[in-house]
C-alpha atoms as a PDB file:
ATOM      1  CA  UNK A   1     -23.816  19.992  20.310  1.00  0.00           C
ATOM      2  CA  UNK A   2     -24.803  16.520  19.141  1.00  0.00           C
ATOM      3  CA  UNK A   3     -22.264  14.669  21.277  1.00  0.00           C
ATOM      4  CA  UNK A   4     -23.282  12.032  23.756  1.00  0.00           C
ATOM      5  CA  UNK A   5     -21.067  12.972  26.659  1.00  0.00           C
ATOM      6  CA  UNK A   6     -20.025  10.094  28.872  1.00  0.00           C
ATOM      7  CA  UNK A   7     -18.424  10.286  32.285  1.00  0.00           C
ATOM      8  CA  UNK A   8     -14.863   9.771  30.993  1.00  0.00           C
ATOM      9  CA  UNK A   9     -15.237  12.549  28.435  1.00  0.00           C
ATOM     10  CA  UNK A  10     -16.631  14.901  31.080  1.00  0.00           C
ATOM     11  CA  UNK A  11     -13.690  14.118  33.351  1.00  0.00           C
ATOM     12  CA  UNK A  12     -11.271  14.847  30.512  1.00  0.00           C
ATOM     13  CA  UNK A  13     -12.913  18.224  29.847  1.00  0.00           C
ATOM     14  CA  UNK A  14     -12.760  19.032  33.573  1.00  0.00           C
ATOM     15  CA  UNK A  15      -9.060  18.170  33.574  1.00  0.00           C
ATOM     16  CA  UNK A  16      -8.518  20.409  30.533  1.00  0.00           C
ATOM     17  CA  UNK A  17     -10.319  23.236  32.349  1.00  0.00           C
ATOM     18  CA  UNK A  18      -8.126  22.748  35.415  1.00  0.00           C
ATOM     19  CA  UNK A  19      -4.962  22.721  33.295  1.00  0.00           C
ATOM     20  CA  UNK A  20      -4.052  19.083  34.031  1.00  0.00           C
ATOM     21  CA  UNK A  21      -4.162  18.025  30.366  1.00  0.00           C
ATOM     22  CA  UNK A  22      -2.213  19.571  27.500  1.00  0.00           C
ATOM     23  CA  UNK A  23      -2.578  16.755  24.936  1.00  0.00           C
ATOM     24  CA  UNK A  24      -5.385  14.406  23.876  1.00  0.00           C
ATOM     25  CA  UNK A  25      -4.317  11.216  22.084  1.00  0.00           C
ATOM     26  CA  UNK A  26      -6.852   8.941  20.385  1.00  0.00           C
ATOM     27  CA  UNK A  27      -6.447   5.769  18.341  1.00  0.00           C
ATOM     28  CA  UNK A  28      -8.274   7.361  15.415  1.00  0.00           C
ATOM     29  CA  UNK A  29     -10.620  10.272  14.869  1.00  0.00           C
ATOM     30  CA  UNK A  30     -13.743   8.102  14.843  1.00  0.00           C
ATOM     31  CA  UNK A  31     -12.989   7.077  18.452  1.00  0.00           C
ATOM     32  CA  UNK A  32     -13.188  10.725  19.509  1.00  0.00           C
ATOM     33  CA  UNK A  33     -16.496  11.428  17.815  1.00  0.00           C
ATOM     34  CA  UNK A  34     -18.544  10.898  14.704  1.00  0.00           C
ATOM     35  CA  UNK A  35     -20.532  14.121  14.397  1.00  0.00           C
ATOM     36  CA  UNK A  36     -18.450  16.426  12.223  1.00  0.00           C
ATOM     37  CA  UNK A  37     -19.703  19.676  13.749  1.00  0.00           C
ATOM     38  CA  UNK A  38     -19.027  18.457  17.303  1.00  0.00           C
ATOM     39  CA  UNK A  39     -15.508  17.388  16.398  1.00  0.00           C
ATOM     40  CA  UNK A  40     -14.832  20.799  14.884  1.00  0.00           C
ATOM     41  CA  UNK A  41     -16.085  22.505  18.039  1.00  0.00           C
ATOM     42  CA  UNK A  42     -13.693  20.601  20.275  1.00  0.00           C
ATOM     43  CA  UNK A  43     -10.598  20.099  18.146  1.00  0.00           C
ATOM     44  CA  UNK A  44     -10.489  23.317  16.164  1.00  0.00           C
ATOM     45  CA  UNK A  45     -11.888  25.706  18.733  1.00  0.00           C
ATOM     46  CA  UNK A  46     -11.939  24.458  22.320  1.00  0.00           C
ATOM     47  CA  UNK A  47      -8.635  22.567  22.366  1.00  0.00           C
ATOM     48  CA  UNK A  48      -6.874  25.304  20.424  1.00  0.00           C
ATOM     49  CA  UNK A  49      -8.205  27.955  22.835  1.00  0.00           C
ATOM     50  CA  UNK A  50      -7.025  25.888  25.815  1.00  0.00           C
ATOM     51  CA  UNK A  51      -3.618  25.105  24.245  1.00  0.00           C
ATOM     52  CA  UNK A  52      -4.331  21.371  24.051  1.00  0.00           C
ATOM     53  CA  UNK A  53      -2.562  19.345  21.379  1.00  0.00           C
ATOM     54  CA  UNK A  54      -4.699  16.730  19.592  1.00  0.00           C
ATOM     55  CA  UNK A  55      -3.199  13.544  18.104  1.00  0.00           C
ATOM     56  CA  UNK A  56      -5.010  10.768  16.186  1.00  0.00           C
ATOM     57  CA  UNK A  57      -2.351   8.045  16.018  1.00  0.00           C
ATOM     58  CA  UNK A  58      -3.641   5.727  13.250  1.00  0.00           C
ATOM     59  CA  UNK A  59      -4.388   8.652  10.938  1.00  0.00           C
ATOM     60  CA  UNK A  60      -1.087  10.415  11.579  1.00  0.00           C
ATOM     61  CA  UNK A  61      -2.879  13.629  12.587  1.00  0.00           C
ATOM     62  CA  UNK A  62      -1.225  15.995  15.020  1.00  0.00           C
ATOM     63  CA  UNK A  63      -2.453  19.524  15.631  1.00  0.00           C
ATOM     64  CA  UNK A  64       1.128  20.602  16.296  1.00  0.00           C
ATOM     65  CA  UNK A  65       2.941  19.042  13.323  1.00  0.00           C
ATOM     66  CA  UNK A  66       0.398  18.216  10.569  1.00  0.00           C
ATOM     67  CA  UNK A  67       0.586  20.742   7.734  1.00  0.00           C
ATOM     68  CA  UNK A  68      -3.079  20.393   6.682  1.00  0.00           C
ATOM     69  CA  UNK A  69      -4.424  19.395  10.088  1.00  0.00           C
ATOM     70  CA  UNK A  70      -7.666  21.414  10.005  1.00  0.00           C
ATOM     71  CA  UNK A  71      -8.568  20.348   6.460  1.00  0.00           C
ATOM     72  CA  UNK A  72      -7.780  16.703   7.225  1.00  0.00           C
ATOM     73  CA  UNK A  73      -9.924  16.809  10.375  1.00  0.00           C
ATOM     74  CA  UNK A  74     -12.918  18.217   8.481  1.00  0.00           C
ATOM     75  CA  UNK A  75     -12.653  15.683   5.659  1.00  0.00           C
ATOM     76  CA  UNK A  76     -12.149  12.693   7.939  1.00  0.00           C
ATOM     77  CA  UNK A  77     -14.922  13.805  10.302  1.00  0.00           C
ATOM     78  CA  UNK A  78     -17.307  14.163   7.350  1.00  0.00           C
ATOM     79  CA  UNK A  79     -16.523  10.651   6.089  1.00  0.00           C
ATOM     80  CA  UNK A  80     -16.779   9.143   9.585  1.00  0.00           C
ATOM     81  CA  UNK A  81     -20.242  10.687   9.996  1.00  0.00           C
ATOM     82  CA  UNK A  82     -21.303   9.614   6.491  1.00  0.00           C
ATOM     83  CA  UNK A  83     -20.095   6.046   7.115  1.00  0.00           C
ATOM     84  CA  UNK A  84     -22.072   5.856  10.368  1.00  0.00           C
ATOM     85  CA  UNK A  85     -25.264   7.062   8.665  1.00  0.00           C
ATOM     86  CA  UNK A  86     -24.723   4.725   5.701  1.00  0.00           C
ATOM     87  CA  UNK A  87     -24.261   1.694   7.975  1.00  0.00           C
ATOM     88  CA  UNK A  88     -27.322   2.658   9.985  1.00  0.00           C
ATOM     89  CA  UNK A  89     -29.445   2.948   6.837  1.00  0.00           C
ATOM     90  CA  UNK A  90     -28.219  -0.396   5.496  1.00  0.00           C
ATOM     91  CA  UNK A  91     -28.926  -2.106   8.822  1.00  0.00           C
ATOM     92  CA  UNK A  92     -32.406  -0.582   9.000  1.00  0.00           C
ATOM     93  CA  UNK A  93     -33.155  -1.591   5.384  1.00  0.00           C
ATOM     94  CA  UNK A  94     -31.879  -5.133   6.015  1.00  0.00           C
ATOM     95  CA  UNK A  95     -34.116  -5.554   9.071  1.00  0.00           C
ATOM     96  CA  UNK A  96     -37.091  -4.160   7.168  1.00  0.00           C
ATOM     97  CA  UNK A  97     -36.543  -6.609   4.287  1.00  0.00           C
ATOM     98  CA  UNK A  98     -36.163  -9.506   6.710  1.00  0.00           C
ATOM     99  CA  UNK A  99     -39.478  -8.560   8.358  1.00  0.00           C
ATOM    100  CA  UNK A 100     -41.223  -8.300   4.967  1.00  0.00           C
ATOM    101  CA  UNK A 101     -40.029 -11.824   4.131  1.00  0.00           C
ATOM    102  CA  UNK A 102     -41.548 -13.111   7.380  1.00  0.00           C
ATOM    103  CA  UNK A 103     -38.212 -14.138   8.842  1.00  0.00           C
ATOM    104  CA  UNK A 104     -37.563 -14.241  12.571  1.00  0.00           C
ATOM    105  CA  UNK A 105     -36.447 -10.852  13.852  1.00  0.00           C
ATOM    106  CA  UNK A 106     -35.444 -11.910  17.376  1.00  0.00           C
ATOM    107  CA  UNK A 107     -32.006 -13.176  18.277  1.00  0.00           C
ATOM    108  CA  UNK A 108     -33.465 -16.450  19.536  1.00  0.00           C
ATOM    109  CA  UNK A 109     -36.889 -17.506  18.220  1.00  0.00           C
ATOM    110  CA  UNK A 110     -39.337 -18.580  20.927  1.00  0.00           C
ATOM    111  CA  UNK A 111     -40.514 -21.619  19.002  1.00  0.00           C
ATOM    112  CA  UNK A 112     -38.613 -23.803  16.605  1.00  0.00           C
ATOM    113  CA  UNK A 113     -40.405 -25.581  13.810  1.00  0.00           C
ATOM    114  CA  UNK A 114     -39.148 -29.032  12.940  1.00  0.00           C
END
């Protein structure tokens, strides 16, 4: 899996395993993860197997009540991942162009010319 697992996420998974959690609520899908395949693994397989309901509030997605939940998850996860890669490429290209123009790349230049 291409997820970067942090301590809070690990604790949540442990709580799911122990049966303490039956619903995961996130602000939006991008806050849960940005790698489409990893999101599928958790939301469509793991949570479903464990009987955990998944809700993304801002996107009005609910694994219990959304008619096209699985299709919506796949589409939104794809666009979240694409957006992340697009932003990364644009940032990288912008920094490269700035360097080619001889502009300062550091946050604070060491020397200021007057």
